[in-house]
Amino acid sequence: MARVLVIDDEPDVRWVLRLSLERAGHEVIMAEDGLRGVAMAQRQRPDVIVLDLMMPVMDGYGVLDALGRDDRTKRVPVLVLTAKALPEEEDRVTEAGATRFMTKPFEPSDLASALEGMLGVT
């Protein structure tokens, strides 16, 4: 269906995301930190990105900034999936360039619905 890039430093979260996204028929590529994630986005040209905010090397805000400044990646929709559940965080990530915002823990069906909406799938 779609190529999804998951950028998250937690192996367990990456595993759950891979499992649920592959079950939904998506191709999944993964990066364990923001710097690698930006490089993968530039090379692999994903259809959508699932991004954590709190990561080593480059945090999610750095990733959003780097993606937004690159012609190859600035139009790729980004779903921020984070444990930072503060109400002002959603506004901040949207202003930084994210398309959607979800908090951890999450329901796989909610994630699938959000991605389908981002990809224009009905």
C-alpha atoms as a PDB file:
ATOM      1  CA  MET A   1       0.000   0.000   0.000  1.00  0.00           C
ATOM      2  CA  ALA A   2       2.478   2.664   1.189  1.00  0.00           C
ATOM      3  CA  ARG A   3       6.131   2.922   2.167  1.00  0.00           C
ATOM      4  CA  VAL A   4       6.239   4.030   5.821  1.00  0.00           C
ATOM      5  CA  LEU A   5       9.401   5.274   7.513  1.00  0.00           C
ATOM      6  CA  VAL A   6       9.368   4.772  11.287  1.00  0.00           C
ATOM      7  CA  ILE A   7      11.855   6.932  13.214  1.00  0.00           C
ATOM      8  CA  ASP A   8      11.944   5.908  16.882  1.00  0.00           C
ATOM      9  CA  ASP A   9      14.766   5.062  19.279  1.00  0.00           C
ATOM     10  CA  GLU A  10      12.814   2.432  21.257  1.00  0.00           C
ATOM     11  CA  PRO A  11      13.261  -1.087  19.776  1.00  0.00           C
ATOM     12  CA  ASP A  12       9.971  -2.311  21.271  1.00  0.00           C
ATOM     13  CA  VAL A  13       8.033   0.571  19.754  1.00  0.00           C
ATOM     14  CA  ARG A  14       9.668   0.004  16.357  1.00  0.00           C
ATOM     15  CA  TRP A  15       8.740  -3.689  16.560  1.00  0.00           C
ATOM     16  CA  VAL A  16       5.076  -2.974  17.403  1.00  0.00           C
ATOM     17  CA  LEU A  17       4.865  -0.356  14.653  1.00  0.00           C
ATOM     18  CA  ARG A  18       6.465  -2.670  12.090  1.00  0.00           C
ATOM     19  CA  LEU A  19       4.112  -5.493  13.008  1.00  0.00           C
ATOM     20  CA  SER A  20       0.940  -3.407  12.871  1.00  0.00           C
ATOM     21  CA  LEU A  21       1.918  -1.522   9.716  1.00  0.00           C
ATOM     22  CA  GLU A  22       2.962  -4.648   7.838  1.00  0.00           C
ATOM     23  CA  ARG A  23      -0.304  -6.340   8.842  1.00  0.00           C
ATOM     24  CA  ALA A  24      -2.076  -3.364   7.285  1.00  0.00           C
ATOM     25  CA  GLY A  25      -0.189  -4.040   4.048  1.00  0.00           C
ATOM     26  CA  HIS A  26       2.454  -1.318   4.234  1.00  0.00           C
ATOM     27  CA  GLU A  27       6.157  -1.571   3.477  1.00  0.00           C
ATOM     28  CA  VAL A  28       8.054  -0.480   6.590  1.00  0.00           C
ATOM     29  CA  ILE A  29      11.554   0.963   6.809  1.00  0.00           C
ATOM     30  CA  MET A  30      13.026   2.001  10.149  1.00  0.00           C
ATOM     31  CA  ALA A  31      15.609   4.292  11.704  1.00  0.00           C
ATOM     32  CA  GLU A  32      16.663   4.344  15.349  1.00  0.00           C
ATOM     33  CA  ASP A  33      17.525   8.030  15.585  1.00  0.00           C
ATOM     34  CA  GLY A  34      16.661  11.310  13.931  1.00  0.00           C
ATOM     35  CA  LEU A  35      19.867  11.741  11.959  1.00  0.00           C
ATOM     36  CA  ARG A  36      19.551   8.310  10.370  1.00  0.00           C
ATOM     37  CA  GLY A  37      15.856   8.951   9.827  1.00  0.00           C
ATOM     38  CA  VAL A  38      16.484  12.120   7.829  1.00  0.00           C
ATOM     39  CA  ALA A  39      19.083  10.320   5.695  1.00  0.00           C
ATOM     40  CA  MET A  40      16.671   7.430   5.070  1.00  0.00           C
ATOM     41  CA  ALA A  41      13.856   9.817   4.152  1.00  0.00           C
ATOM     42  CA  GLN A  42      16.114  11.506   1.608  1.00  0.00           C
ATOM     43  CA  ARG A  43      17.225   8.185   0.075  1.00  0.00           C
ATOM     44  CA  GLN A  44      14.108   6.020   0.389  1.00  0.00           C
ATOM     45  CA  ARG A  45      11.398   8.617  -0.392  1.00  0.00           C
ATOM     46  CA  PRO A  46       8.699   7.258   1.957  1.00  0.00           C
ATOM     47  CA  ASP A  47       5.018   8.003   1.417  1.00  0.00           C
ATOM     48  CA  VAL A  48       4.581   8.871   5.104  1.00  0.00           C
ATOM     49  CA  ILE A  49       6.769   9.127   8.225  1.00  0.00           C
ATOM     50  CA  VAL A  50       5.953   8.094  11.801  1.00  0.00           C
ATOM     51  CA  LEU A  51       8.217  10.117  14.080  1.00  0.00           C
ATOM     52  CA  ASP A  52       9.049  10.079  17.786  1.00  0.00           C
ATOM     53  CA  LEU A  53      10.004  13.375  19.447  1.00  0.00           C
ATOM     54  CA  MET A  54      12.423  12.302  22.168  1.00  0.00           C
ATOM     55  CA  MET A  55      15.442  10.622  20.583  1.00  0.00           C
ATOM     56  CA  PRO A  56      19.232  10.788  20.806  1.00  0.00           C
ATOM     57  CA  VAL A  57      21.469  12.364  18.155  1.00  0.00           C
ATOM     58  CA  MET A  58      18.641  14.465  16.646  1.00  0.00           C
ATOM     59  CA  ASP A  59      15.238  14.876  18.272  1.00  0.00           C
ATOM     60  CA  GLY A  60      11.917  14.951  16.432  1.00  0.00           C
ATOM     61  CA  TYR A  61      11.933  18.740  16.152  1.00  0.00           C
ATOM     62  CA  GLY A  62      15.331  18.600  14.462  1.00  0.00           C
ATOM     63  CA  VAL A  63      13.965  15.965  12.083  1.00  0.00           C
ATOM     64  CA  LEU A  64      10.919  18.086  11.233  1.00  0.00           C
ATOM     65  CA  ASP A  65      13.179  21.065  10.561  1.00  0.00           C
ATOM     66  CA  ALA A  66      15.560  19.062   8.350  1.00  0.00           C
ATOM     67  CA  LEU A  67      12.712  17.429   6.418  1.00  0.00           C
ATOM     68  CA  GLY A  68      11.009  20.786   5.869  1.00  0.00           C
ATOM     69  CA  ARG A  69      14.158  22.358   4.424  1.00  0.00           C
ATOM     70  CA  ASP A  70      14.800  19.586   1.876  1.00  0.00           C
ATOM     71  CA  ASP A  71      12.913  19.593  -1.437  1.00  0.00           C
ATOM     72  CA  ARG A  72      12.985  15.766  -1.480  1.00  0.00           C
ATOM     73  CA  THR A  73      11.166  15.457   1.852  1.00  0.00           C
ATOM     74  CA  LYS A  74       9.262  18.645   2.617  1.00  0.00           C
ATOM     75  CA  ARG A  75       5.969  17.313   1.218  1.00  0.00           C
ATOM     76  CA  VAL A  76       6.083  13.941   2.976  1.00  0.00           C
ATOM     77  CA  PRO A  77       3.331  13.797   5.618  1.00  0.00           C
ATOM     78  CA  VAL A  78       4.607  13.205   9.158  1.00  0.00           C
ATOM     79  CA  LEU A  79       2.687  11.655  12.022  1.00  0.00           C
ATOM     80  CA  VAL A  80       4.316  12.476  15.352  1.00  0.00           C
ATOM     81  CA  LEU A  81       3.838   9.620  17.809  1.00  0.00           C
ATOM     82  CA  THR A  82       5.098  10.615  21.236  1.00  0.00           C
ATOM     83  CA  ALA A  83       4.804  10.031  24.967  1.00  0.00           C
ATOM     84  CA  LYS A  84       4.704  13.828  25.411  1.00  0.00           C
ATOM     85  CA  ALA A  85       0.977  14.166  26.017  1.00  0.00           C
ATOM     86  CA  LEU A  86       0.914  17.852  26.941  1.00  0.00           C
ATOM     87  CA  PRO A  87      -1.828  19.826  25.129  1.00  0.00           C
ATOM     88  CA  GLU A  88       0.611  22.489  23.930  1.00  0.00           C
ATOM     89  CA  GLU A  89       2.833  19.815  22.375  1.00  0.00           C
ATOM     90  CA  GLU A  90       0.340  19.184  19.568  1.00  0.00           C
ATOM     91  CA  ASP A  91       0.368  22.870  18.596  1.00  0.00           C
ATOM     92  CA  ARG A  92       4.156  22.924  18.738  1.00  0.00           C
ATOM     93  CA  VAL A  93       4.623  19.909  16.451  1.00  0.00           C
ATOM     94  CA  THR A  94       2.037  21.215  13.997  1.00  0.00           C
ATOM     95  CA  GLU A  95       3.849  24.544  13.829  1.00  0.00           C
ATOM     96  CA  ALA A  96       7.094  22.610  13.282  1.00  0.00           C
ATOM     97  CA  GLY A  97       5.620  20.901  10.212  1.00  0.00           C
ATOM     98  CA  ALA A  98       3.940  17.693  11.396  1.00  0.00           C
ATOM     99  CA  THR A  99       0.724  16.618   9.718  1.00  0.00           C
ATOM    100  CA  ARG A 100      -0.768  14.640  12.620  1.00  0.00           C
ATOM    101  CA  PHE A 101      -0.124  14.097  16.330  1.00  0.00           C
ATOM    102  CA  MET A 102      -0.779  10.971  18.419  1.00  0.00           C
ATOM    103  CA  THR A 103       0.310   9.968  21.883  1.00  0.00           C
ATOM    104  CA  LYS A 104       1.780   6.730  23.190  1.00  0.00           C
ATOM    105  CA  PRO A 105       0.424   4.306  24.119  1.00  0.00           C
ATOM    106  CA  PHE A 106      -1.666   3.979  20.974  1.00  0.00           C
ATOM    107  CA  GLU A 107      -4.139   1.593  19.449  1.00  0.00           C
ATOM    108  CA  PRO A 108      -2.906   0.064  16.181  1.00  0.00           C
ATOM    109  CA  SER A 109      -6.331   0.645  14.621  1.00  0.00           C
ATOM    110  CA  ASP A 110      -6.117   4.374  15.479  1.00  0.00           C
ATOM    111  CA  LEU A 111      -2.657   4.556  13.917  1.00  0.00           C
ATOM    112  CA  ALA A 112      -3.884   2.771  10.778  1.00  0.00           C
ATOM    113  CA  SER A 113      -6.825   5.163  10.477  1.00  0.00           C
ATOM    114  CA  ALA A 114      -4.599   8.214  10.916  1.00  0.00           C
ATOM    115  CA  LEU A 115      -2.167   6.992   8.253  1.00  0.00           C
ATOM    116  CA  GLU A 116      -4.980   6.185   5.841  1.00  0.00           C
ATOM    117  CA  GLY A 117      -6.308   9.720   6.294  1.00  0.00           C
ATOM    118  CA  MET A 118      -2.858  11.173   5.672  1.00  0.00           C
ATOM    119  CA  LEU A 119      -2.454   9.080   2.529  1.00  0.00           C
ATOM    120  CA  GLY A 120      -5.912   9.937   1.233  1.00  0.00           C
ATOM    121  CA  VAL A 121      -7.122   6.330   1.490  1.00  0.00           C
ATOM    122  CA  THR A 122     -10.867   5.975   1.932  1.00  0.00           C
END
